[in-house]
Amino acid sequence: MKEKKLTPKQLKLLNALFTERTIQDAYKTAGVSVATGQRYRQLPRFIAAYDKRQRALINATNNRLRALSGQAVETLADVLNDPEATNTDKVRAAKVVLDTTYKNIELEELRRQVDKLEREQGKNEY
């Protein structure tokens, strides 16, 4: 059975949810009542479309951040090495570097643990 697509009103609400500041504003922009908007937002096909759109937005944002990360690291290095930078600026830059490094180490360790668990799970399945 083929899944139904969103109706034009549902699609309008979906778009509004990503452009308006509040859910109430999204309902108004889409031209639906609060009750109808709430009902639409409970439909599995609407939830799936919303999740897909949100994942795409997050992926686009992450790609943009990755593209800017080299420049950001250079900026932090410039602040740390700038003899005219205030101590406050240097401490802030150092904190960003250290916090980010620590988070990356934690994430890498979690990734290794997940990989290990997946390998072990794969061995137990066969």
PDB file of N, CA and C in Angstrom:
ATOM      1  N   MET A   1       0.839  -1.177   0.000  1.00  0.00           N
ATOM      2  CA  MET A   1       0.000   0.000   0.000  1.00  0.00           C
ATOM      3  C   MET A   1       0.884   1.240   0.000  1.00  0.00           C
ATOM      4  N   LYS A   2       0.664   2.130  -0.933  1.00  0.00           N
ATOM      5  CA  LYS A   2       1.474   3.338  -1.048  1.00  0.00           C
ATOM      6  C   LYS A   2       1.004   4.369  -0.025  1.00  0.00           C
ATOM      7  N   GLU A   3       1.993   4.995   0.640  1.00  0.00           N
ATOM      8  CA  GLU A   3       1.673   6.002   1.645  1.00  0.00           C
ATOM      9  C   GLU A   3       1.140   7.260   0.963  1.00  0.00           C
ATOM     10  N   LYS A   4       0.101   7.838   1.550  1.00  0.00           N
ATOM     11  CA  LYS A   4      -0.475   9.068   1.019  1.00  0.00           C
ATOM     12  C   LYS A   4       0.513  10.217   1.160  1.00  0.00           C
ATOM     13  N   LYS A   5       0.450  11.124   0.202  1.00  0.00           N
ATOM     14  CA  LYS A   5       1.269  12.326   0.286  1.00  0.00           C
ATOM     15  C   LYS A   5       0.529  13.362   1.116  1.00  0.00           C
ATOM     16  N   LEU A   6       1.241  14.404   1.488  1.00  0.00           N
ATOM     17  CA  LEU A   6       0.623  15.489   2.229  1.00  0.00           C
ATOM     18  C   LEU A   6      -0.307  16.282   1.308  1.00  0.00           C
ATOM     19  N   THR A   7      -1.394  16.751   1.886  1.00  0.00           N
ATOM     20  CA  THR A   7      -2.302  17.622   1.141  1.00  0.00           C
ATOM     21  C   THR A   7      -1.645  18.990   0.993  1.00  0.00           C
ATOM     22  N   PRO A   8      -2.148  19.826   0.094  1.00  0.00           N
ATOM     23  CA  PRO A   8      -1.575  21.171  -0.029  1.00  0.00           C
ATOM     24  C   PRO A   8      -1.601  21.952   1.293  1.00  0.00           C
ATOM     25  N   LYS A   9      -2.669  21.845   2.077  1.00  0.00           N
ATOM     26  CA  LYS A   9      -2.746  22.532   3.374  1.00  0.00           C
ATOM     27  C   LYS A   9      -1.708  21.977   4.343  1.00  0.00           C
ATOM     28  N   GLN A  10      -1.536  20.666   4.347  1.00  0.00           N
ATOM     29  CA  GLN A  10      -0.546  20.050   5.228  1.00  0.00           C
ATOM     30  C   GLN A  10       0.860  20.485   4.829  1.00  0.00           C
ATOM     31  N   LEU A  11       1.107  20.526   3.532  1.00  0.00           N
ATOM     32  CA  LEU A  11       2.409  20.968   3.038  1.00  0.00           C
ATOM     33  C   LEU A  11       2.662  22.434   3.406  1.00  0.00           C
ATOM     34  N   LYS A  12       1.620  23.243   3.314  1.00  0.00           N
ATOM     35  CA  LYS A  12       1.750  24.645   3.694  1.00  0.00           C
ATOM     36  C   LYS A  12       2.086  24.766   5.184  1.00  0.00           C
ATOM     37  N   LEU A  13       1.444  23.943   6.008  1.00  0.00           N
ATOM     38  CA  LEU A  13       1.758  23.950   7.434  1.00  0.00           C
ATOM     39  C   LEU A  13       3.185  23.472   7.674  1.00  0.00           C
ATOM     40  N   LEU A  14       3.581  22.429   6.994  1.00  0.00           N
ATOM     41  CA  LEU A  14       4.948  21.922   7.146  1.00  0.00           C
ATOM     42  C   LEU A  14       5.959  23.035   6.851  1.00  0.00           C
ATOM     43  N   ASN A  15       5.757  23.729   5.742  1.00  0.00           N
ATOM     44  CA  ASN A  15       6.672  24.818   5.386  1.00  0.00           C
ATOM     45  C   ASN A  15       6.644  25.924   6.433  1.00  0.00           C
ATOM     46  N   ALA A  16       5.454  26.259   6.903  1.00  0.00           N
ATOM     47  CA  ALA A  16       5.318  27.335   7.891  1.00  0.00           C
ATOM     48  C   ALA A  16       6.000  26.978   9.207  1.00  0.00           C
ATOM     49  N   LEU A  17       5.991  25.706   9.573  1.00  0.00           N
ATOM     50  CA  LEU A  17       6.631  25.289  10.819  1.00  0.00           C
ATOM     51  C   LEU A  17       8.134  25.548  10.795  1.00  0.00           C
ATOM     52  N   PHE A  18       8.694  25.623   9.600  1.00  0.00           N
ATOM     53  CA  PHE A  18      10.133  25.866   9.481  1.00  0.00           C
ATOM     54  C   PHE A  18      10.473  27.327   9.205  1.00  0.00           C
ATOM     55  N   THR A  19       9.449  28.160   9.030  1.00  0.00           N
ATOM     56  CA  THR A  19       9.740  29.561   8.733  1.00  0.00           C
ATOM     57  C   THR A  19       9.175  30.525   9.773  1.00  0.00           C
ATOM     58  N   GLU A  20       8.159  30.116  10.484  1.00  0.00           N
ATOM     59  CA  GLU A  20       7.540  31.006  11.461  1.00  0.00           C
ATOM     60  C   GLU A  20       8.190  30.852  12.831  1.00  0.00           C
ATOM     61  N   ARG A  21       8.055  31.867  13.648  1.00  0.00           N
ATOM     62  CA  ARG A  21       8.683  31.875  14.970  1.00  0.00           C
ATOM     63  C   ARG A  21       7.979  30.968  15.966  1.00  0.00           C
ATOM     64  N   THR A  22       6.667  30.834  15.839  1.00  0.00           N
ATOM     65  CA  THR A  22       5.909  30.014  16.787  1.00  0.00           C
ATOM     66  C   THR A  22       4.984  29.070  16.027  1.00  0.00           C
ATOM     67  N   ILE A  23       4.529  28.056  16.725  1.00  0.00           N
ATOM     68  CA  ILE A  23       3.578  27.115  16.128  1.00  0.00           C
ATOM     69  C   ILE A  23       2.275  27.837  15.805  1.00  0.00           C
ATOM     70  N   GLN A  24       1.856  28.716  16.704  1.00  0.00           N
ATOM     71  CA  GLN A  24       0.623  29.483  16.462  1.00  0.00           C
ATOM     72  C   GLN A  24       0.736  30.307  15.182  1.00  0.00           C
ATOM     73  N   ASP A  25       1.884  30.934  14.976  1.00  0.00           N
ATOM     74  CA  ASP A  25       2.103  31.706  13.745  1.00  0.00           C
ATOM     75  C   ASP A  25       2.096  30.791  12.525  1.00  0.00           C
ATOM     76  N   ALA A  26       2.622  29.593  12.678  1.00  0.00           N
ATOM     77  CA  ALA A  26       2.622  28.637  11.563  1.00  0.00           C
ATOM     78  C   ALA A  26       1.188  28.250  11.196  1.00  0.00           C
ATOM     79  N   TYR A  27       0.356  28.021  12.194  1.00  0.00           N
ATOM     80  CA  TYR A  27      -1.052  27.700  11.916  1.00  0.00           C
ATOM     81  C   TYR A  27      -1.703  28.847  11.148  1.00  0.00           C
ATOM     82  N   LYS A  28      -1.447  30.051  11.604  1.00  0.00           N
ATOM     83  CA  LYS A  28      -2.055  31.226  10.965  1.00  0.00           C
ATOM     84  C   LYS A  28      -1.581  31.355   9.519  1.00  0.00           C
ATOM     85  N   THR A  29      -0.272  31.232   9.304  1.00  0.00           N
ATOM     86  CA  THR A  29       0.291  31.335   7.954  1.00  0.00           C
ATOM     87  C   THR A  29      -0.261  30.249   7.035  1.00  0.00           C
ATOM     88  N   ALA A  30      -0.426  29.048   7.586  1.00  0.00           N
ATOM     89  CA  ALA A  30      -0.945  27.935   6.782  1.00  0.00           C
ATOM     90  C   ALA A  30      -2.450  28.025   6.583  1.00  0.00           C
ATOM     91  N   GLY A  31      -3.100  28.887   7.334  1.00  0.00           N
ATOM     92  CA  GLY A  31      -4.555  29.035   7.206  1.00  0.00           C
ATOM     93  C   GLY A  31      -5.333  27.876   7.792  1.00  0.00           C
ATOM     94  N   VAL A  32      -4.791  27.314   8.891  1.00  0.00           N
ATOM     95  CA  VAL A  32      -5.493  26.210   9.548  1.00  0.00           C
ATOM     96  C   VAL A  32      -5.766  26.589  10.998  1.00  0.00           C
ATOM     97  N   SER A  33      -6.808  26.009  11.551  1.00  0.00           N
ATOM     98  CA  SER A  33      -7.114  26.245  12.958  1.00  0.00           C
ATOM     99  C   SER A  33      -6.110  25.496  13.822  1.00  0.00           C
ATOM    100  N   VAL A  34      -6.087  25.859  15.096  1.00  0.00           N
ATOM    101  CA  VAL A  34      -5.197  25.177  16.037  1.00  0.00           C
ATOM    102  C   VAL A  34      -5.543  23.686  16.073  1.00  0.00           C
ATOM    103  N   ALA A  35      -6.826  23.371  16.149  1.00  0.00           N
ATOM    104  CA  ALA A  35      -7.243  21.959  16.211  1.00  0.00           C
ATOM    105  C   ALA A  35      -6.808  21.192  14.967  1.00  0.00           C
ATOM    106  N   THR A  36      -6.982  21.801  13.805  1.00  0.00           N
ATOM    107  CA  THR A  36      -6.581  21.132  12.560  1.00  0.00           C
ATOM    108  C   THR A  36      -5.062  20.982  12.513  1.00  0.00           C
ATOM    109  N   GLY A  37      -4.356  22.030  12.890  1.00  0.00           N
ATOM    110  CA  GLY A  37      -2.899  21.957  12.898  1.00  0.00           C
ATOM    111  C   GLY A  37      -2.394  20.879  13.828  1.00  0.00           C
ATOM    112  N   GLN A  38      -2.993  20.797  15.008  1.00  0.00           N
ATOM    113  CA  GLN A  38      -2.593  19.755  15.956  1.00  0.00           C
ATOM    114  C   GLN A  38      -2.902  18.364  15.397  1.00  0.00           C
ATOM    115  N   ARG A  39      -4.028  18.230  14.736  1.00  0.00           N
ATOM    116  CA  ARG A  39      -4.391  16.939  14.141  1.00  0.00           C
ATOM    117  C   ARG A  39      -3.394  16.559  13.038  1.00  0.00           C
ATOM    118  N   TYR A  40      -3.073  17.521  12.169  1.00  0.00           N
ATOM    119  CA  TYR A  40      -2.089  17.253  11.110  1.00  0.00           C
ATOM    120  C   TYR A  40      -0.762  16.787  11.713  1.00  0.00           C
ATOM    121  N   ARG A  41      -0.348  17.462  12.786  1.00  0.00           N
ATOM    122  CA  ARG A  41       0.961  17.173  13.376  1.00  0.00           C
ATOM    123  C   ARG A  41       1.025  15.808  14.049  1.00  0.00           C
ATOM    124  N   GLN A  42      -0.104  15.139  14.198  1.00  0.00           N
ATOM    125  CA  GLN A  42      -0.143  13.791  14.777  1.00  0.00           C
ATOM    126  C   GLN A  42      -0.146  12.694  13.714  1.00  0.00           C
ATOM    127  N   LEU A  43      -0.349  13.073  12.455  1.00  0.00           N
ATOM    128  CA  LEU A  43      -0.416  12.081  11.373  1.00  0.00           C
ATOM    129  C   LEU A  43       0.967  11.494  11.104  1.00  0.00           C
ATOM    130  N   PRO A  44       1.064  10.171  11.005  1.00  0.00           N
ATOM    131  CA  PRO A  44       2.376   9.561  10.745  1.00  0.00           C
ATOM    132  C   PRO A  44       3.066  10.117   9.505  1.00  0.00           C
ATOM    133  N   ARG A  45       2.316  10.351   8.430  1.00  0.00           N
ATOM    134  CA  ARG A  45       2.952  10.868   7.209  1.00  0.00           C
ATOM    135  C   ARG A  45       3.450  12.300   7.408  1.00  0.00           C
ATOM    136  N   PHE A  46       2.747  13.080   8.229  1.00  0.00           N
ATOM    137  CA  PHE A  46       3.192  14.444   8.522  1.00  0.00           C
ATOM    138  C   PHE A  46       4.445  14.408   9.398  1.00  0.00           C
ATOM    139  N   ILE A  47       4.416  13.556  10.400  1.00  0.00           N
ATOM    140  CA  ILE A  47       5.576  13.403  11.288  1.00  0.00           C
ATOM    141  C   ILE A  47       6.800  12.980  10.480  1.00  0.00           C
ATOM    142  N   ALA A  48       6.611  12.031   9.562  1.00  0.00           N
ATOM    143  CA  ALA A  48       7.725  11.552   8.734  1.00  0.00           C
ATOM    144  C   ALA A  48       8.268  12.678   7.849  1.00  0.00           C
ATOM    145  N   ALA A  49       7.375  13.457   7.253  1.00  0.00           N
ATOM    146  CA  ALA A  49       7.798  14.563   6.386  1.00  0.00           C
ATOM    147  C   ALA A  49       8.522  15.631   7.201  1.00  0.00           C
ATOM    148  N   TYR A  50       8.009  15.913   8.396  1.00  0.00           N
ATOM    149  CA  TYR A  50       8.642  16.901   9.278  1.00  0.00           C
ATOM    150  C   TYR A  50      10.039  16.430   9.674  1.00  0.00           C
ATOM    151  N   ASP A  51      10.144  15.175  10.086  1.00  0.00           N
ATOM    152  CA  ASP A  51      11.444  14.621  10.491  1.00  0.00           C
ATOM    153  C   ASP A  51      12.446  14.647   9.336  1.00  0.00           C
ATOM    154  N   LYS A  52      11.969  14.305   8.138  1.00  0.00           N
ATOM    155  CA  LYS A  52      12.841  14.310   6.966  1.00  0.00           C
ATOM    156  C   LYS A  52      13.345  15.728   6.674  1.00  0.00           C
ATOM    157  N   ARG A  53      12.437  16.689   6.752  1.00  0.00           N
ATOM    158  CA  ARG A  53      12.822  18.086   6.514  1.00  0.00           C
ATOM    159  C   ARG A  53      13.796  18.566   7.579  1.00  0.00           C
ATOM    160  N   GLN A  54      13.540  18.195   8.824  1.00  0.00           N
ATOM    161  CA  GLN A  54      14.413  18.621   9.921  1.00  0.00           C
ATOM    162  C   GLN A  54      15.809  18.008   9.768  1.00  0.00           C
ATOM    163  N   ARG A  55      15.870  16.723   9.395  1.00  0.00           N
ATOM    164  CA  ARG A  55      17.176  16.081   9.185  1.00  0.00           C
ATOM    165  C   ARG A  55      17.947  16.770   8.065  1.00  0.00           C
ATOM    166  N   ALA A  56      17.245  17.127   6.992  1.00  0.00           N
ATOM    167  CA  ALA A  56      17.897  17.815   5.876  1.00  0.00           C
ATOM    168  C   ALA A  56      18.435  19.172   6.311  1.00  0.00           C
ATOM    169  N   LEU A  57      17.663  19.878   7.112  1.00  0.00           N
ATOM    170  CA  LEU A  57      18.108  21.176   7.613  1.00  0.00           C
ATOM    171  C   LEU A  57      19.328  21.025   8.524  1.00  0.00           C
ATOM    172  N   ILE A  58      19.290  20.040   9.388  1.00  0.00           N
ATOM    173  CA  ILE A  58      20.421  19.796  10.289  1.00  0.00           C
ATOM    174  C   ILE A  58      21.659  19.399   9.491  1.00  0.00           C
ATOM    175  N   ASN A  59      21.483  18.547   8.483  1.00  0.00           N
ATOM    176  CA  ASN A  59      22.618  18.146   7.647  1.00  0.00           C
ATOM    177  C   ASN A  59      23.215  19.341   6.908  1.00  0.00           C
ATOM    178  N   ALA A  60      22.357  20.213   6.377  1.00  0.00           N
ATOM    179  CA  ALA A  60      22.845  21.402   5.668  1.00  0.00           C
ATOM    180  C   ALA A  60      23.606  22.314   6.629  1.00  0.00           C
ATOM    181  N   THR A  61      23.078  22.472   7.823  1.00  0.00           N
ATOM    182  CA  THR A  61      23.738  23.299   8.825  1.00  0.00           C
ATOM    183  C   THR A  61      25.088  22.701   9.211  1.00  0.00           C
ATOM    184  N   ASN A  62      25.118  21.395   9.433  1.00  0.00           N
ATOM    185  CA  ASN A  62      26.372  20.732   9.790  1.00  0.00           C
ATOM    186  C   ASN A  62      27.407  20.851   8.680  1.00  0.00           C
ATOM    187  N   ASN A  63      26.969  20.732   7.435  1.00  0.00           N
ATOM    188  CA  ASN A  63      27.903  20.881   6.314  1.00  0.00           C
ATOM    189  C   ASN A  63      28.480  22.287   6.274  1.00  0.00           C
ATOM    190  N   ARG A  64      27.640  23.278   6.523  1.00  0.00           N
ATOM    191  CA  ARG A  64      28.109  24.666   6.532  1.00  0.00           C
ATOM    192  C   ARG A  64      29.096  24.898   7.676  1.00  0.00           C
ATOM    193  N   LEU A  65      28.778  24.350   8.852  1.00  0.00           N
ATOM    194  CA  LEU A  65      29.685  24.486   9.994  1.00  0.00           C
ATOM    195  C   LEU A  65      31.033  23.829   9.716  1.00  0.00           C
ATOM    196  N   ARG A  66      30.995  22.633   9.100  1.00  0.00           N
ATOM    197  CA  ARG A  66      32.257  21.966   8.760  1.00  0.00           C
ATOM    198  C   ARG A  66      33.081  22.819   7.801  1.00  0.00           C
ATOM    199  N   ALA A  67      32.405  23.455   6.844  1.00  0.00           N
ATOM    200  CA  ALA A  67      33.119  24.290   5.882  1.00  0.00           C
ATOM    201  C   ALA A  67      33.771  25.497   6.556  1.00  0.00           C
ATOM    202  N   LEU A  68      33.157  25.980   7.632  1.00  0.00           N
ATOM    203  CA  LEU A  68      33.687  27.149   8.338  1.00  0.00           C
ATOM    204  C   LEU A  68      34.656  26.791   9.461  1.00  0.00           C
ATOM    205  N   SER A  69      34.760  25.530   9.798  1.00  0.00           N
ATOM    206  CA  SER A  69      35.545  25.147  10.977  1.00  0.00           C
ATOM    207  C   SER A  69      37.021  25.491  10.845  1.00  0.00           C
ATOM    208  N   GLY A  70      37.598  25.327   9.691  1.00  0.00           N
ATOM    209  CA  GLY A  70      39.010  25.670   9.506  1.00  0.00           C
ATOM    210  C   GLY A  70      39.255  27.150   9.757  1.00  0.00           C
ATOM    211  N   GLN A  71      38.379  27.972   9.212  1.00  0.00           N
ATOM    212  CA  GLN A  71      38.484  29.419   9.411  1.00  0.00           C
ATOM    213  C   GLN A  71      38.302  29.772  10.888  1.00  0.00           C
ATOM    214  N   ALA A  72      37.396  29.091  11.559  1.00  0.00           N
ATOM    215  CA  ALA A  72      37.157  29.358  12.981  1.00  0.00           C
ATOM    216  C   ALA A  72      38.383  29.003  13.816  1.00  0.00           C
ATOM    217  N   VAL A  73      39.013  27.888  13.508  1.00  0.00           N
ATOM    218  CA  VAL A  73      40.224  27.493  14.242  1.00  0.00           C
ATOM    219  C   VAL A  73      41.329  28.513  14.005  1.00  0.00           C
ATOM    220  N   GLU A  74      41.461  28.975  12.783  1.00  0.00           N
ATOM    221  CA  GLU A  74      42.474  30.001  12.489  1.00  0.00           C
ATOM    222  C   GLU A  74      42.191  31.286  13.268  1.00  0.00           C
ATOM    223  N   THR A  75      40.925  31.653  13.373  1.00  0.00           N
ATOM    224  CA  THR A  75      40.562  32.850  14.131  1.00  0.00           C
ATOM    225  C   THR A  75      40.929  32.691  15.597  1.00  0.00           C
ATOM    226  N   LEU A  76      40.632  31.518  16.161  1.00  0.00           N
ATOM    227  CA  LEU A  76      41.015  31.265  17.553  1.00  0.00           C
ATOM    228  C   LEU A  76      42.527  31.340  17.720  1.00  0.00           C
ATOM    229  N   ALA A  77      43.253  30.758  16.776  1.00  0.00           N
ATOM    230  CA  ALA A  77      44.721  30.810  16.847  1.00  0.00           C
ATOM    231  C   ALA A  77      45.211  32.247  16.746  1.00  0.00           C
ATOM    232  N   ASP A  78      44.586  33.030  15.875  1.00  0.00           N
ATOM    233  CA  ASP A  78      44.981  34.438  15.740  1.00  0.00           C
ATOM    234  C   ASP A  78      44.788  35.191  17.056  1.00  0.00           C
ATOM    235  N   VAL A  79      43.650  34.942  17.728  1.00  0.00           N
ATOM    236  CA  VAL A  79      43.392  35.614  19.009  1.00  0.00           C
ATOM    237  C   VAL A  79      44.414  35.173  20.044  1.00  0.00           C
ATOM    238  N   LEU A  80      44.668  33.872  20.116  1.00  0.00           N
ATOM    239  CA  LEU A  80      45.635  33.374  21.099  1.00  0.00           C
ATOM    240  C   LEU A  80      47.031  33.945  20.877  1.00  0.00           C
ATOM    241  N   ASN A  81      47.382  34.192  19.628  1.00  0.00           N
ATOM    242  CA  ASN A  81      48.730  34.668  19.292  1.00  0.00           C
ATOM    243  C   ASN A  81      48.834  36.183  19.133  1.00  0.00           C
ATOM    244  N   ASP A  82      47.732  36.874  19.253  1.00  0.00           N
ATOM    245  CA  ASP A  82      47.720  38.321  19.063  1.00  0.00           C
ATOM    246  C   ASP A  82      48.245  39.026  20.319  1.00  0.00           C
ATOM    247  N   PRO A  83      49.388  39.715  20.215  1.00  0.00           N
ATOM    248  CA  PRO A  83      49.927  40.395  21.399  1.00  0.00           C
ATOM    249  C   PRO A  83      49.026  41.532  21.887  1.00  0.00           C
ATOM    250  N   GLU A  84      48.143  42.014  21.035  1.00  0.00           N
ATOM    251  CA  GLU A  84      47.255  43.109  21.429  1.00  0.00           C
ATOM    252  C   GLU A  84      45.908  42.607  21.961  1.00  0.00           C
ATOM    253  N   ALA A  85      45.661  41.314  21.871  1.00  0.00           N
ATOM    254  CA  ALA A  85      44.408  40.767  22.398  1.00  0.00           C
ATOM    255  C   ALA A  85      44.422  40.837  23.922  1.00  0.00           C
ATOM    256  N   THR A  86      43.261  41.091  24.487  1.00  0.00           N
ATOM    257  CA  THR A  86      43.177  41.146  25.948  1.00  0.00           C
ATOM    258  C   THR A  86      43.283  39.741  26.518  1.00  0.00           C
ATOM    259  N   ASN A  87      43.638  39.674  27.782  1.00  0.00           N
ATOM    260  CA  ASN A  87      43.679  38.370  28.451  1.00  0.00           C
ATOM    261  C   ASN A  87      42.305  37.708  28.426  1.00  0.00           C
ATOM    262  N   THR A  88      41.246  38.504  28.558  1.00  0.00           N
ATOM    263  CA  THR A  88      39.885  37.963  28.515  1.00  0.00           C
ATOM    264  C   THR A  88      39.621  37.299  27.171  1.00  0.00           C
ATOM    265  N   ASP A  89      40.014  37.959  26.084  1.00  0.00           N
ATOM    266  CA  ASP A  89      39.823  37.381  24.749  1.00  0.00           C
ATOM    267  C   ASP A  89      40.612  36.090  24.588  1.00  0.00           C
ATOM    268  N   LYS A  90      41.843  36.091  25.104  1.00  0.00           N
ATOM    269  CA  LYS A  90      42.684  34.899  24.989  1.00  0.00           C
ATOM    270  C   LYS A  90      42.117  33.749  25.817  1.00  0.00           C
ATOM    271  N   VAL A  91      41.609  34.055  27.002  1.00  0.00           N
ATOM    272  CA  VAL A  91      41.012  33.004  27.842  1.00  0.00           C
ATOM    273  C   VAL A  91      39.766  32.443  27.166  1.00  0.00           C
ATOM    274  N   ARG A  92      38.946  33.299  26.591  1.00  0.00           N
ATOM    275  CA  ARG A  92      37.745  32.820  25.889  1.00  0.00           C
ATOM    276  C   ARG A  92      38.124  31.917  24.717  1.00  0.00           C
ATOM    277  N   ALA A  93      39.114  32.347  23.943  1.00  0.00           N
ATOM    278  CA  ALA A  93      39.548  31.531  22.805  1.00  0.00           C
ATOM    279  C   ALA A  93      40.112  30.197  23.286  1.00  0.00           C
ATOM    280  N   ALA A  94      40.912  30.241  24.339  1.00  0.00           N
ATOM    281  CA  ALA A  94      41.492  29.006  24.880  1.00  0.00           C
ATOM    282  C   ALA A  94      40.390  28.080  25.390  1.00  0.00           C
ATOM    283  N   LYS A  95      39.387  28.647  26.049  1.00  0.00           N
ATOM    284  CA  LYS A  95      38.276  27.844  26.559  1.00  0.00           C
ATOM    285  C   LYS A  95      37.531  27.154  25.414  1.00  0.00           C
ATOM    286  N   VAL A  96      37.293  27.870  24.340  1.00  0.00           N
ATOM    287  CA  VAL A  96      36.624  27.272  23.180  1.00  0.00           C
ATOM    288  C   VAL A  96      37.455  26.109  22.644  1.00  0.00           C
ATOM    289  N   VAL A  97      38.748  26.320  22.505  1.00  0.00           N
ATOM    290  CA  VAL A  97      39.625  25.266  21.990  1.00  0.00           C
ATOM    291  C   VAL A  97      39.601  24.050  22.918  1.00  0.00           C
ATOM    292  N   LEU A  98      39.777  24.284  24.203  1.00  0.00           N
ATOM    293  CA  LEU A  98      39.821  23.167  25.155  1.00  0.00           C
ATOM    294  C   LEU A  98      38.476  22.451  25.262  1.00  0.00           C
ATOM    295  N   ASP A  99      37.384  23.215  25.339  1.00  0.00           N
ATOM    296  CA  ASP A  99      36.055  22.590  25.423  1.00  0.00           C
ATOM    297  C   ASP A  99      35.759  21.743  24.192  1.00  0.00           C
ATOM    298  N   THR A 100      36.072  22.291  23.038  1.00  0.00           N
ATOM    299  CA  THR A 100      35.807  21.570  21.794  1.00  0.00           C
ATOM    300  C   THR A 100      36.674  20.329  21.689  1.00  0.00           C
ATOM    301  N   THR A 101      37.926  20.446  22.073  1.00  0.00           N
ATOM    302  CA  THR A 101      38.825  19.291  22.041  1.00  0.00           C
ATOM    303  C   THR A 101      38.307  18.185  22.957  1.00  0.00           C
ATOM    304  N   TYR A 102      37.907  18.566  24.162  1.00  0.00           N
ATOM    305  CA  TYR A 102      37.380  17.587  25.122  1.00  0.00           C
ATOM    306  C   TYR A 102      36.121  16.914  24.582  1.00  0.00           C
ATOM    307  N   LYS A 103      35.216  17.680  24.012  1.00  0.00           N
ATOM    308  CA  LYS A 103      33.987  17.108  23.449  1.00  0.00           C
ATOM    309  C   LYS A 103      34.315  16.144  22.308  1.00  0.00           C
ATOM    310  N   ASN A 104      35.261  16.530  21.467  1.00  0.00           N
ATOM    311  CA  ASN A 104      35.638  15.652  20.359  1.00  0.00           C
ATOM    312  C   ASN A 104      36.246  14.347  20.854  1.00  0.00           C
ATOM    313  N   ILE A 105      37.038  14.415  21.910  1.00  0.00           N
ATOM    314  CA  ILE A 105      37.618  13.200  22.488  1.00  0.00           C
ATOM    315  C   ILE A 105      36.510  12.304  23.032  1.00  0.00           C
ATOM    316  N   GLU A 106      35.551  12.909  23.744  1.00  0.00           N
ATOM    317  CA  GLU A 106      34.419  12.129  24.272  1.00  0.00           C
ATOM    318  C   GLU A 106      33.621  11.467  23.157  1.00  0.00           C
ATOM    319  N   LEU A 107      33.341  12.224  22.096  1.00  0.00           N
ATOM    320  CA  LEU A 107      32.566  11.677  20.978  1.00  0.00           C
ATOM    321  C   LEU A 107      33.315  10.543  20.287  1.00  0.00           C
ATOM    322  N   GLU A 108      34.607  10.715  20.134  1.00  0.00           N
ATOM    323  CA  GLU A 108      35.405   9.664  19.500  1.00  0.00           C
ATOM    324  C   GLU A 108      35.390   8.395  20.352  1.00  0.00           C
ATOM    325  N   GLU A 109      35.483   8.554  21.660  1.00  0.00           N
ATOM    326  CA  GLU A 109      35.431   7.397  22.553  1.00  0.00           C
ATOM    327  C   GLU A 109      34.069   6.710  22.478  1.00  0.00           C
ATOM    328  N   LEU A 110      33.007   7.493  22.449  1.00  0.00           N
ATOM    329  CA  LEU A 110      31.660   6.916  22.308  1.00  0.00           C
ATOM    330  C   LEU A 110      31.525   6.167  20.983  1.00  0.00           C
ATOM    331  N   ARG A 111      32.069   6.759  19.915  1.00  0.00           N
ATOM    332  CA  ARG A 111      32.009   6.097  18.611  1.00  0.00           C
ATOM    333  C   ARG A 111      32.730   4.755  18.646  1.00  0.00           C
ATOM    334  N   ARG A 112      33.895   4.729  19.287  1.00  0.00           N
ATOM    335  CA  ARG A 112      34.641   3.468  19.406  1.00  0.00           C
ATOM    336  C   ARG A 112      33.839   2.431  20.194  1.00  0.00           C
ATOM    337  N   GLN A 113      33.197   2.863  21.272  1.00  0.00           N
ATOM    338  CA  GLN A 113      32.399   1.944  22.088  1.00  0.00           C
ATOM    339  C   GLN A 113      31.208   1.409  21.310  1.00  0.00           C
ATOM    340  N   VAL A 114      30.539   2.274  20.559  1.00  0.00           N
ATOM    341  CA  VAL A 114      29.402   1.842  19.747  1.00  0.00           C
ATOM    342  C   VAL A 114      29.870   0.858  18.673  1.00  0.00           C
ATOM    343  N   ASP A 115      30.978   1.186  18.010  1.00  0.00           N
ATOM    344  CA  ASP A 115      31.527   0.274  16.998  1.00  0.00           C
ATOM    345  C   ASP A 115      31.829  -1.094  17.605  1.00  0.00           C
ATOM    346  N   LYS A 116      32.425  -1.104  18.787  1.00  0.00           N
ATOM    347  CA  LYS A 116      32.761  -2.360  19.459  1.00  0.00           C
ATOM    348  C   LYS A 116      31.497  -3.145  19.780  1.00  0.00           C
ATOM    349  N   LEU A 117      30.489  -2.469  20.325  1.00  0.00           N
ATOM    350  CA  LEU A 117      29.222  -3.141  20.646  1.00  0.00           C
ATOM    351  C   LEU A 117      28.550  -3.696  19.394  1.00  0.00           C
ATOM    352  N   GLU A 118      28.594  -2.931  18.305  1.00  0.00           N
ATOM    353  CA  GLU A 118      27.995  -3.410  17.054  1.00  0.00           C
ATOM    354  C   GLU A 118      28.738  -4.633  16.524  1.00  0.00           C
ATOM    355  N   ARG A 119      30.065  -4.625  16.630  1.00  0.00           N
ATOM    356  CA  ARG A 119      30.830  -5.800  16.187  1.00  0.00           C
ATOM    357  C   ARG A 119      30.480  -7.020  17.034  1.00  0.00           C
ATOM    358  N   GLU A 120      30.394  -6.806  18.358  1.00  0.00           N
ATOM    359  CA  GLU A 120      30.054  -7.904  19.261  1.00  0.00           C
ATOM    360  C   GLU A 120      28.641  -8.411  19.002  1.00  0.00           C
ATOM    361  N   GLN A 121      27.717  -7.502  18.750  1.00  0.00           N
ATOM    362  CA  GLN A 121      26.349  -7.881  18.458  1.00  0.00           C
ATOM    363  C   GLN A 121      26.271  -8.684  17.170  1.00  0.00           C
ATOM    364  N   GLY A 122      27.060  -8.246  16.186  1.00  0.00           N
ATOM    365  CA  GLY A 122      27.087  -8.954  14.901  1.00  0.00           C
ATOM    366  C   GLY A 122      27.598 -10.372  15.054  1.00  0.00           C
ATOM    367  N   LYS A 123      28.582 -10.586  15.930  1.00  0.00           N
ATOM    368  CA  LYS A 123      29.119 -11.924  16.172  1.00  0.00           C
ATOM    369  C   LYS A 123      28.077 -12.809  16.860  1.00  0.00           C
ATOM    370  N   ASN A 124      27.294 -12.214  17.750  1.00  0.00           N
ATOM    371  CA  ASN A 124      26.300 -12.985  18.490  1.00  0.00           C
ATOM    372  C   ASN A 124      25.083 -13.353  17.654  1.00  0.00           C
ATOM    373  N   GLU A 125      24.864 -12.647  16.555  1.00  0.00           N
ATOM    374  CA  GLU A 125      23.700 -12.928  15.723  1.00  0.00           C
ATOM    375  C   GLU A 125      23.902 -14.142  14.834  1.00  0.00           C
ATOM    376  N   TYR A 126      25.133 -14.528  14.589  1.00  0.00           N
ATOM    377  CA  TYR A 126      25.388 -15.622  13.650  1.00  0.00           C
ATOM    378  C   TYR A 126      25.930 -16.827  14.323  1.00  0.00           C
TER     379      TYR A 126
END
